Amino acid sequence: MSFFSMDSPLMRFLNRMADLIVLNLLSILFAIPALISGYLTLAIYGETGQLPLVYLLITALLSFPVGASLTALHTVLIKMVKNEEGYIVKG
């Protein structure tokens, strides 16, 4: 078996690390709208002393992608621990 073969332990490790990096970047990317809307809602509350319902609804709607990305992260990590096929992009 070659050192750089796709079945070598080194390449399997690098493949898993690449999957984890992609998953973490996607989780961070999908968390940005919820974080920004939360900070904006707090800023509006600090300025006016009131919290309009519209801003709460927008913040709630923008937090849904965070749940999906964290669920994907959890599912792939569980499959990695069980040594099952847990991939991000099937090539």
PDB file of N, CA and C in Angstrom:
ATOM      1  N   MET A   1       0.847  -1.173   0.000  1.00  0.00           N
ATOM      2  CA  MET A   1       0.000   0.000   0.000  1.00  0.00           C
ATOM      3  C   MET A   1       0.892   1.234   0.000  1.00  0.00           C
ATOM      4  N   SER A   2       0.587   2.135  -0.883  1.00  0.00           N
ATOM      5  CA  SER A   2       1.353   3.367  -1.001  1.00  0.00           C
ATOM      6  C   SER A   2       0.997   4.316   0.141  1.00  0.00           C
ATOM      7  N   PHE A   3       1.944   5.177   0.468  1.00  0.00           N
ATOM      8  CA  PHE A   3       1.759   6.134   1.556  1.00  0.00           C
ATOM      9  C   PHE A   3       0.668   7.144   1.224  1.00  0.00           C
ATOM     10  N   PHE A   4       0.550   7.508  -0.050  1.00  0.00           N
ATOM     11  CA  PHE A   4      -0.444   8.493  -0.479  1.00  0.00           C
ATOM     12  C   PHE A   4      -1.646   7.855  -1.172  1.00  0.00           C
ATOM     13  N   SER A   5      -1.842   6.572  -0.973  1.00  0.00           N
ATOM     14  CA  SER A   5      -3.017   5.898  -1.508  1.00  0.00           C
ATOM     15  C   SER A   5      -4.257   6.382  -0.765  1.00  0.00           C
ATOM     16  N   MET A   6      -5.402   6.347  -1.417  1.00  0.00           N
ATOM     17  CA  MET A   6      -6.636   6.821  -0.793  1.00  0.00           C
ATOM     18  C   MET A   6      -7.059   5.948   0.387  1.00  0.00           C
ATOM     19  N   ASP A   7      -6.542   4.711   0.460  1.00  0.00           N
ATOM     20  CA  ASP A   7      -6.890   3.809   1.555  1.00  0.00           C
ATOM     21  C   ASP A   7      -5.883   3.836   2.690  1.00  0.00           C
ATOM     22  N   SER A   8      -4.853   4.651   2.579  1.00  0.00           N
ATOM     23  CA  SER A   8      -3.838   4.702   3.632  1.00  0.00           C
ATOM     24  C   SER A   8      -4.382   5.441   4.855  1.00  0.00           C
ATOM     25  N   PRO A   9      -3.855   5.142   6.028  1.00  0.00           N
ATOM     26  CA  PRO A   9      -4.323   5.831   7.241  1.00  0.00           C
ATOM     27  C   PRO A   9      -4.126   7.344   7.178  1.00  0.00           C
ATOM     28  N   LEU A  10      -3.059   7.799   6.541  1.00  0.00           N
ATOM     29  CA  LEU A  10      -2.814   9.236   6.428  1.00  0.00           C
ATOM     30  C   LEU A  10      -3.920   9.917   5.630  1.00  0.00           C
ATOM     31  N   MET A  11      -4.290   9.346   4.505  1.00  0.00           N
ATOM     32  CA  MET A  11      -5.312   9.962   3.663  1.00  0.00           C
ATOM     33  C   MET A  11      -6.701   9.888   4.312  1.00  0.00           C
ATOM     34  N   ARG A  12      -6.982   8.812   5.042  1.00  0.00           N
ATOM     35  CA  ARG A  12      -8.255   8.741   5.764  1.00  0.00           C
ATOM     36  C   ARG A  12      -8.321   9.816   6.843  1.00  0.00           C
ATOM     37  N   PHE A  13      -7.198  10.027   7.551  1.00  0.00           N
ATOM     38  CA  PHE A  13      -7.136  11.069   8.572  1.00  0.00           C
ATOM     39  C   PHE A  13      -7.316  12.449   7.946  1.00  0.00           C
ATOM     40  N   LEU A  14      -6.618  12.704   6.838  1.00  0.00           N
ATOM     41  CA  LEU A  14      -6.737  14.006   6.178  1.00  0.00           C
ATOM     42  C   LEU A  14      -8.150  14.234   5.638  1.00  0.00           C
ATOM     43  N   ASN A  15      -8.776  13.169   5.150  1.00  0.00           N
ATOM     44  CA  ASN A  15     -10.147  13.274   4.654  1.00  0.00           C
ATOM     45  C   ASN A  15     -11.107  13.634   5.792  1.00  0.00           C
ATOM     46  N   ARG A  16     -10.915  13.012   6.949  1.00  0.00           N
ATOM     47  CA  ARG A  16     -11.765  13.331   8.100  1.00  0.00           C
ATOM     48  C   ARG A  16     -11.532  14.761   8.576  1.00  0.00           C
ATOM     49  N   MET A  17     -10.292  15.194   8.591  1.00  0.00           N
ATOM     50  CA  MET A  17     -10.003  16.565   9.016  1.00  0.00           C
ATOM     51  C   MET A  17     -10.619  17.580   8.048  1.00  0.00           C
ATOM     52  N   ALA A  18     -10.563  17.277   6.752  1.00  0.00           N
ATOM     53  CA  ALA A  18     -11.172  18.173   5.760  1.00  0.00           C
ATOM     54  C   ALA A  18     -12.686  18.234   5.960  1.00  0.00           C
ATOM     55  N   ASP A  19     -13.312  17.090   6.241  1.00  0.00           N
ATOM     56  CA  ASP A  19     -14.752  17.076   6.511  1.00  0.00           C
ATOM     57  C   ASP A  19     -15.090  17.913   7.738  1.00  0.00           C
ATOM     58  N   LEU A  20     -14.287  17.799   8.789  1.00  0.00           N
ATOM     59  CA  LEU A  20     -14.544  18.574  10.004  1.00  0.00           C
ATOM     60  C   LEU A  20     -14.364  20.066   9.770  1.00  0.00           C
ATOM     61  N   ILE A  21     -13.364  20.426   8.984  1.00  0.00           N
ATOM     62  CA  ILE A  21     -13.141  21.844   8.685  1.00  0.00           C
ATOM     63  C   ILE A  21     -14.319  22.415   7.903  1.00  0.00           C
ATOM     64  N   VAL A  22     -14.780  21.680   6.898  1.00  0.00           N
ATOM     65  CA  VAL A  22     -15.918  22.143   6.096  1.00  0.00           C
ATOM     66  C   VAL A  22     -17.172  22.257   6.966  1.00  0.00           C
ATOM     67  N   LEU A  23     -17.413  21.262   7.819  1.00  0.00           N
ATOM     68  CA  LEU A  23     -18.589  21.311   8.689  1.00  0.00           C
ATOM     69  C   LEU A  23     -18.539  22.487   9.650  1.00  0.00           C
ATOM     70  N   ASN A  24     -17.384  22.732  10.234  1.00  0.00           N
ATOM     71  CA  ASN A  24     -17.271  23.855  11.163  1.00  0.00           C
ATOM     72  C   ASN A  24     -17.438  25.192  10.453  1.00  0.00           C
ATOM     73  N   LEU A  25     -16.881  25.319   9.257  1.00  0.00           N
ATOM     74  CA  LEU A  25     -17.051  26.564   8.506  1.00  0.00           C
ATOM     75  C   LEU A  25     -18.512  26.791   8.126  1.00  0.00           C
ATOM     76  N   LEU A  26     -19.206  25.720   7.741  1.00  0.00           N
ATOM     77  CA  LEU A  26     -20.626  25.857   7.418  1.00  0.00           C
ATOM     78  C   LEU A  26     -21.447  26.217   8.655  1.00  0.00           C
ATOM     79  N   SER A  27     -21.112  25.633   9.791  1.00  0.00           N
ATOM     80  CA  SER A  27     -21.827  25.971  11.026  1.00  0.00           C
ATOM     81  C   SER A  27     -21.626  27.431  11.393  1.00  0.00           C
ATOM     82  N   ILE A  28     -20.401  27.913  11.261  1.00  0.00           N
ATOM     83  CA  ILE A  28     -20.122  29.321  11.554  1.00  0.00           C
ATOM     84  C   ILE A  28     -20.840  30.225  10.554  1.00  0.00           C
ATOM     85  N   LEU A  29     -20.829  29.840   9.283  1.00  0.00           N
ATOM     86  CA  LEU A  29     -21.484  30.643   8.252  1.00  0.00           C
ATOM     87  C   LEU A  29     -22.980  30.781   8.517  1.00  0.00           C
ATOM     88  N   PHE A  30     -23.626  29.676   8.891  1.00  0.00           N
ATOM     89  CA  PHE A  30     -25.067  29.726   9.123  1.00  0.00           C
ATOM     90  C   PHE A  30     -25.421  30.338  10.472  1.00  0.00           C
ATOM     91  N   ALA A  31     -24.455  30.512  11.355  1.00  0.00           N
ATOM     92  CA  ALA A  31     -24.720  31.154  12.647  1.00  0.00           C
ATOM     93  C   ALA A  31     -24.621  32.672  12.554  1.00  0.00           C
ATOM     94  N   ILE A  32     -23.977  33.186  11.532  1.00  0.00           N
ATOM     95  CA  ILE A  32     -23.768  34.633  11.414  1.00  0.00           C
ATOM     96  C   ILE A  32     -25.082  35.419  11.365  1.00  0.00           C
ATOM     97  N   PRO A  33     -26.087  35.035  10.564  1.00  0.00           N
ATOM     98  CA  PRO A  33     -27.332  35.827  10.559  1.00  0.00           C
ATOM     99  C   PRO A  33     -28.023  35.872  11.919  1.00  0.00           C
ATOM    100  N   ALA A  34     -28.023  34.762  12.641  1.00  0.00           N
ATOM    101  CA  ALA A  34     -28.666  34.754  13.956  1.00  0.00           C
ATOM    102  C   ALA A  34     -27.909  35.641  14.932  1.00  0.00           C
ATOM    103  N   LEU A  35     -26.596  35.619  14.875  1.00  0.00           N
ATOM    104  CA  LEU A  35     -25.806  36.466  15.771  1.00  0.00           C
ATOM    105  C   LEU A  35     -26.025  37.944  15.473  1.00  0.00           C
ATOM    106  N   ILE A  36     -26.000  38.288  14.195  1.00  0.00           N
ATOM    107  CA  ILE A  36     -26.181  39.694  13.819  1.00  0.00           C
ATOM    108  C   ILE A  36     -27.576  40.179  14.200  1.00  0.00           C
ATOM    109  N   SER A  37     -28.596  39.374  13.932  1.00  0.00           N
ATOM    110  CA  SER A  37     -29.954  39.809  14.277  1.00  0.00           C
ATOM    111  C   SER A  37     -30.134  39.901  15.788  1.00  0.00           C
ATOM    112  N   GLY A  38     -29.488  39.021  16.523  1.00  0.00           N
ATOM    113  CA  GLY A  38     -29.563  39.115  17.980  1.00  0.00           C
ATOM    114  C   GLY A  38     -28.922  40.379  18.507  1.00  0.00           C
ATOM    115  N   TYR A  39     -27.750  40.714  17.969  1.00  0.00           N
ATOM    116  CA  TYR A  39     -27.080  41.944  18.395  1.00  0.00           C
ATOM    117  C   TYR A  39     -27.877  43.187  17.993  1.00  0.00           C
ATOM    118  N   LEU A  40     -28.468  43.164  16.808  1.00  0.00           N
ATOM    119  CA  LEU A  40     -29.282  44.305  16.381  1.00  0.00           C
ATOM    120  C   LEU A  40     -30.528  44.458  17.252  1.00  0.00           C
ATOM    121  N   THR A  41     -31.134  43.341  17.621  1.00  0.00           N
ATOM    122  CA  THR A  41     -32.299  43.401  18.499  1.00  0.00           C
ATOM    123  C   THR A  41     -31.925  43.977  19.858  1.00  0.00           C
ATOM    124  N   LEU A  42     -30.773  43.560  20.387  1.00  0.00           N
ATOM    125  CA  LEU A  42     -30.322  44.118  21.666  1.00  0.00           C
ATOM    126  C   LEU A  42     -30.007  45.606  21.550  1.00  0.00           C
ATOM    127  N   ALA A  43     -29.439  46.010  20.416  1.00  0.00           N
ATOM    128  CA  ALA A  43     -29.135  47.431  20.227  1.00  0.00           C
ATOM    129  C   ALA A  43     -30.413  48.256  20.150  1.00  0.00           C
ATOM    130  N   ILE A  44     -31.413  47.742  19.457  1.00  0.00           N
ATOM    131  CA  ILE A  44     -32.690  48.457  19.366  1.00  0.00           C
ATOM    132  C   ILE A  44     -33.344  48.538  20.742  1.00  0.00           C
ATOM    133  N   TYR A  45     -33.261  47.462  21.506  1.00  0.00           N
ATOM    134  CA  TYR A  45     -33.827  47.484  22.856  1.00  0.00           C
ATOM    135  C   TYR A  45     -33.077  48.474  23.743  1.00  0.00           C
ATOM    136  N   GLY A  46     -31.771  48.563  23.591  1.00  0.00           N
ATOM    137  CA  GLY A  46     -30.991  49.511  24.375  1.00  0.00           C
ATOM    138  C   GLY A  46     -31.300  50.952  24.021  1.00  0.00           C
ATOM    139  N   GLU A  47     -31.583  51.209  22.754  1.00  0.00           N
ATOM    140  CA  GLU A  47     -31.893  52.576  22.314  1.00  0.00           C
ATOM    141  C   GLU A  47     -33.291  53.014  22.719  1.00  0.00           C
ATOM    142  N   THR A  48     -34.266  52.156  22.469  1.00  0.00           N
ATOM    143  CA  THR A  48     -35.658  52.567  22.654  1.00  0.00           C
ATOM    144  C   THR A  48     -36.260  52.103  23.970  1.00  0.00           C
ATOM    145  N   GLY A  49     -35.715  51.062  24.556  1.00  0.00           N
ATOM    146  CA  GLY A  49     -36.304  50.509  25.773  1.00  0.00           C
ATOM    147  C   GLY A  49     -37.492  49.610  25.497  1.00  0.00           C
ATOM    148  N   GLN A  50     -37.824  49.433  24.213  1.00  0.00           N
ATOM    149  CA  GLN A  50     -38.928  48.564  23.814  1.00  0.00           C
ATOM    150  C   GLN A  50     -38.387  47.526  22.847  1.00  0.00           C
ATOM    151  N   LEU A  51     -39.067  46.401  22.805  1.00  0.00           N
ATOM    152  CA  LEU A  51     -38.658  45.338  21.897  1.00  0.00           C
ATOM    153  C   LEU A  51     -39.845  44.967  21.012  1.00  0.00           C
ATOM    154  N   PRO A  52     -39.901  45.511  19.787  1.00  0.00           N
ATOM    155  CA  PRO A  52     -41.036  45.221  18.902  1.00  0.00           C
ATOM    156  C   PRO A  52     -41.093  43.739  18.526  1.00  0.00           C
ATOM    157  N   LEU A  53     -42.290  43.258  18.338  1.00  0.00           N
ATOM    158  CA  LEU A  53     -42.518  41.858  18.003  1.00  0.00           C
ATOM    159  C   LEU A  53     -41.883  41.493  16.662  1.00  0.00           C
ATOM    160  N   VAL A  54     -41.833  42.426  15.740  1.00  0.00           N
ATOM    161  CA  VAL A  54     -41.263  42.162  14.411  1.00  0.00           C
ATOM    162  C   VAL A  54     -39.797  41.756  14.529  1.00  0.00           C
ATOM    163  N   TYR A  55     -39.054  42.428  15.370  1.00  0.00           N
ATOM    164  CA  TYR A  55     -37.637  42.107  15.529  1.00  0.00           C
ATOM    165  C   TYR A  55     -37.442  40.741  16.179  1.00  0.00           C
ATOM    166  N   LEU A  56     -38.314  40.399  17.104  1.00  0.00           N
ATOM    167  CA  LEU A  56     -38.234  39.070  17.711  1.00  0.00           C
ATOM    168  C   LEU A  56     -38.529  37.976  16.688  1.00  0.00           C
ATOM    169  N   LEU A  57     -39.507  38.205  15.825  1.00  0.00           N
ATOM    170  CA  LEU A  57     -39.833  37.217  14.793  1.00  0.00           C
ATOM    171  C   LEU A  57     -38.707  37.071  13.779  1.00  0.00           C
ATOM    172  N   ILE A  58     -38.097  38.176  13.395  1.00  0.00           N
ATOM    173  CA  ILE A  58     -36.974  38.119  12.454  1.00  0.00           C
ATOM    174  C   ILE A  58     -35.809  37.360  13.073  1.00  0.00           C
ATOM    175  N   THR A  59     -35.527  37.620  14.333  1.00  0.00           N
ATOM    176  CA  THR A  59     -34.448  36.912  15.019  1.00  0.00           C
ATOM    177  C   THR A  59     -34.744  35.421  15.103  1.00  0.00           C
ATOM    178  N   ALA A  60     -35.993  35.064  15.379  1.00  0.00           N
ATOM    179  CA  ALA A  60     -36.362  33.653  15.453  1.00  0.00           C
ATOM    180  C   ALA A  60     -36.238  32.978  14.092  1.00  0.00           C
ATOM    181  N   LEU A  61     -36.658  33.655  13.031  1.00  0.00           N
ATOM    182  CA  LEU A  61     -36.563  33.063  11.692  1.00  0.00           C
ATOM    183  C   LEU A  61     -35.116  32.903  11.237  1.00  0.00           C
ATOM    184  N   LEU A  62     -34.275  33.848  11.593  1.00  0.00           N
ATOM    185  CA  LEU A  62     -32.878  33.760  11.177  1.00  0.00           C
ATOM    186  C   LEU A  62     -32.081  32.742  11.983  1.00  0.00           C
ATOM    187  N   SER A  63     -32.650  32.208  13.042  1.00  0.00           N
ATOM    188  CA  SER A  63     -31.927  31.216  13.835  1.00  0.00           C
ATOM    189  C   SER A  63     -32.199  29.783  13.371  1.00  0.00           C
ATOM    190  N   PHE A  64     -33.130  29.569  12.460  1.00  0.00           N
ATOM    191  CA  PHE A  64     -33.418  28.218  11.984  1.00  0.00           C
ATOM    192  C   PHE A  64     -32.246  27.554  11.259  1.00  0.00           C
ATOM    193  N   PRO A  65     -31.497  28.228  10.391  1.00  0.00           N
ATOM    194  CA  PRO A  65     -30.369  27.556   9.731  1.00  0.00           C
ATOM    195  C   PRO A  65     -29.293  27.074  10.699  1.00  0.00           C
ATOM    196  N   VAL A  66     -29.195  27.683  11.864  1.00  0.00           N
ATOM    197  CA  VAL A  66     -28.208  27.239  12.847  1.00  0.00           C
ATOM    198  C   VAL A  66     -28.542  25.830  13.308  1.00  0.00           C
ATOM    199  N   GLY A  67     -29.804  25.560  13.535  1.00  0.00           N
ATOM    200  CA  GLY A  67     -30.215  24.224  13.967  1.00  0.00           C
ATOM    201  C   GLY A  67     -29.914  23.164  12.926  1.00  0.00           C
ATOM    202  N   ALA A  68     -30.144  23.477  11.669  1.00  0.00           N
ATOM    203  CA  ALA A  68     -29.861  22.518  10.604  1.00  0.00           C
ATOM    204  C   ALA A  68     -28.366  22.238  10.485  1.00  0.00           C
ATOM    205  N   SER A  69     -27.553  23.272  10.583  1.00  0.00           N
ATOM    206  CA  SER A  69     -26.110  23.058  10.452  1.00  0.00           C
ATOM    207  C   SER A  69     -25.555  22.301  11.649  1.00  0.00           C
ATOM    208  N   LEU A  70     -26.058  22.567  12.850  1.00  0.00           N
ATOM    209  CA  LEU A  70     -25.592  21.829  14.023  1.00  0.00           C
ATOM    210  C   LEU A  70     -26.066  20.375  13.998  1.00  0.00           C
ATOM    211  N   THR A  71     -27.248  20.126  13.442  1.00  0.00           N
ATOM    212  CA  THR A  71     -27.722  18.756  13.296  1.00  0.00           C
ATOM    213  C   THR A  71     -26.856  17.984  12.308  1.00  0.00           C
ATOM    214  N   ALA A  72     -26.486  18.611  11.209  1.00  0.00           N
ATOM    215  CA  ALA A  72     -25.596  17.966  10.242  1.00  0.00           C
ATOM    216  C   ALA A  72     -24.231  17.687  10.862  1.00  0.00           C
ATOM    217  N   LEU A  73     -23.712  18.637  11.617  1.00  0.00           N
ATOM    218  CA  LEU A  73     -22.433  18.452  12.293  1.00  0.00           C
ATOM    219  C   LEU A  73     -22.503  17.275  13.254  1.00  0.00           C
ATOM    220  N   HIS A  74     -23.553  17.195  14.033  1.00  0.00           N
ATOM    221  CA  HIS A  74     -23.713  16.111  14.999  1.00  0.00           C
ATOM    222  C   HIS A  74     -23.836  14.759  14.301  1.00  0.00           C
ATOM    223  N   THR A  75     -24.629  14.694  13.237  1.00  0.00           N
ATOM    224  CA  THR A  75     -24.833  13.436  12.526  1.00  0.00           C
ATOM    225  C   THR A  75     -23.537  12.917  11.926  1.00  0.00           C
ATOM    226  N   VAL A  76     -22.782  13.782  11.287  1.00  0.00           N
ATOM    227  CA  VAL A  76     -21.528  13.346  10.668  1.00  0.00           C
ATOM    228  C   VAL A  76     -20.518  12.943  11.733  1.00  0.00           C
ATOM    229  N   LEU A  77     -20.466  13.657  12.846  1.00  0.00           N
ATOM    230  CA  LEU A  77     -19.536  13.293  13.915  1.00  0.00           C
ATOM    231  C   LEU A  77     -19.887  11.942  14.528  1.00  0.00           C
ATOM    232  N   ILE A  78     -21.164  11.664  14.715  1.00  0.00           N
ATOM    233  CA  ILE A  78     -21.575  10.359  15.245  1.00  0.00           C
ATOM    234  C   ILE A  78     -21.185   9.251  14.279  1.00  0.00           C
ATOM    235  N   LYS A  79     -21.365   9.484  12.979  1.00  0.00           N
ATOM    236  CA  LYS A  79     -20.973   8.476  11.996  1.00  0.00           C
ATOM    237  C   LYS A  79     -19.462   8.280  11.974  1.00  0.00           C
ATOM    238  N   MET A  80     -18.699   9.353  12.179  1.00  0.00           N
ATOM    239  CA  MET A  80     -17.244   9.216  12.227  1.00  0.00           C
ATOM    240  C   MET A  80     -16.811   8.394  13.435  1.00  0.00           C
ATOM    241  N   VAL A  81     -17.452   8.603  14.568  1.00  0.00           N
ATOM    242  CA  VAL A  81     -17.097   7.855  15.776  1.00  0.00           C
ATOM    243  C   VAL A  81     -17.423   6.375  15.605  1.00  0.00           C
ATOM    244  N   LYS A  82     -18.517   6.067  14.925  1.00  0.00           N
ATOM    245  CA  LYS A  82     -18.917   4.679  14.698  1.00  0.00           C
ATOM    246  C   LYS A  82     -18.197   4.044  13.511  1.00  0.00           C
ATOM    247  N   ASN A  83     -17.292   4.768  12.872  1.00  0.00           N
ATOM    248  CA  ASN A  83     -16.555   4.312  11.682  1.00  0.00           C
ATOM    249  C   ASN A  83     -17.491   3.939  10.541  1.00  0.00           C
ATOM    250  N   GLU A  84     -18.593   4.660  10.415  1.00  0.00           N
ATOM    251  CA  GLU A  84     -19.491   4.494   9.279  1.00  0.00           C
ATOM    252  C   GLU A  84     -19.132   5.528   8.222  1.00  0.00           C
ATOM    253  N   GLU A  85     -19.789   5.431   7.081  1.00  0.00           N
ATOM    254  CA  GLU A  85     -19.525   6.376   5.995  1.00  0.00           C
ATOM    255  C   GLU A  85     -20.233   7.684   6.302  1.00  0.00           C
ATOM    256  N   GLY A  86     -19.502   8.641   6.854  1.00  0.00           N
ATOM    257  CA  GLY A  86     -20.054   9.959   7.139  1.00  0.00           C
ATOM    258  C   GLY A  86     -19.282  10.990   6.344  1.00  0.00           C
ATOM    259  N   TYR A  87     -19.815  11.393   5.226  1.00  0.00           N
ATOM    260  CA  TYR A  87     -19.092  12.287   4.330  1.00  0.00           C
ATOM    261  C   TYR A  87     -19.887  13.557   4.107  1.00  0.00           C
ATOM    262  N   ILE A  88     -19.185  14.580   3.712  1.00  0.00           N
ATOM    263  CA  ILE A  88     -19.820  15.847   3.394  1.00  0.00           C
ATOM    264  C   ILE A  88     -20.160  15.889   1.915  1.00  0.00           C
ATOM    265  N   VAL A  89     -19.174  15.628   1.100  1.00  0.00           N
ATOM    266  CA  VAL A  89     -19.342  15.615  -0.348  1.00  0.00           C
ATOM    267  C   VAL A  89     -18.948  14.233  -0.837  1.00  0.00           C
ATOM    268  N   LYS A  90     -19.845  13.575  -1.501  1.00  0.00           N
ATOM    269  CA  LYS A  90     -19.554  12.236  -1.998  1.00  0.00           C
ATOM    270  C   LYS A  90     -18.909  12.362  -3.365  1.00  0.00           C
ATOM    271  N   GLY A  91     -17.703  11.864  -3.473  1.00  0.00           N
ATOM    272  CA  GLY A  91     -16.966  12.014  -4.718  1.00  0.00           C
ATOM    273  C   GLY A  91     -16.689  10.739  -5.427  1.00  0.00           C
TER     274      GLY A  91
END
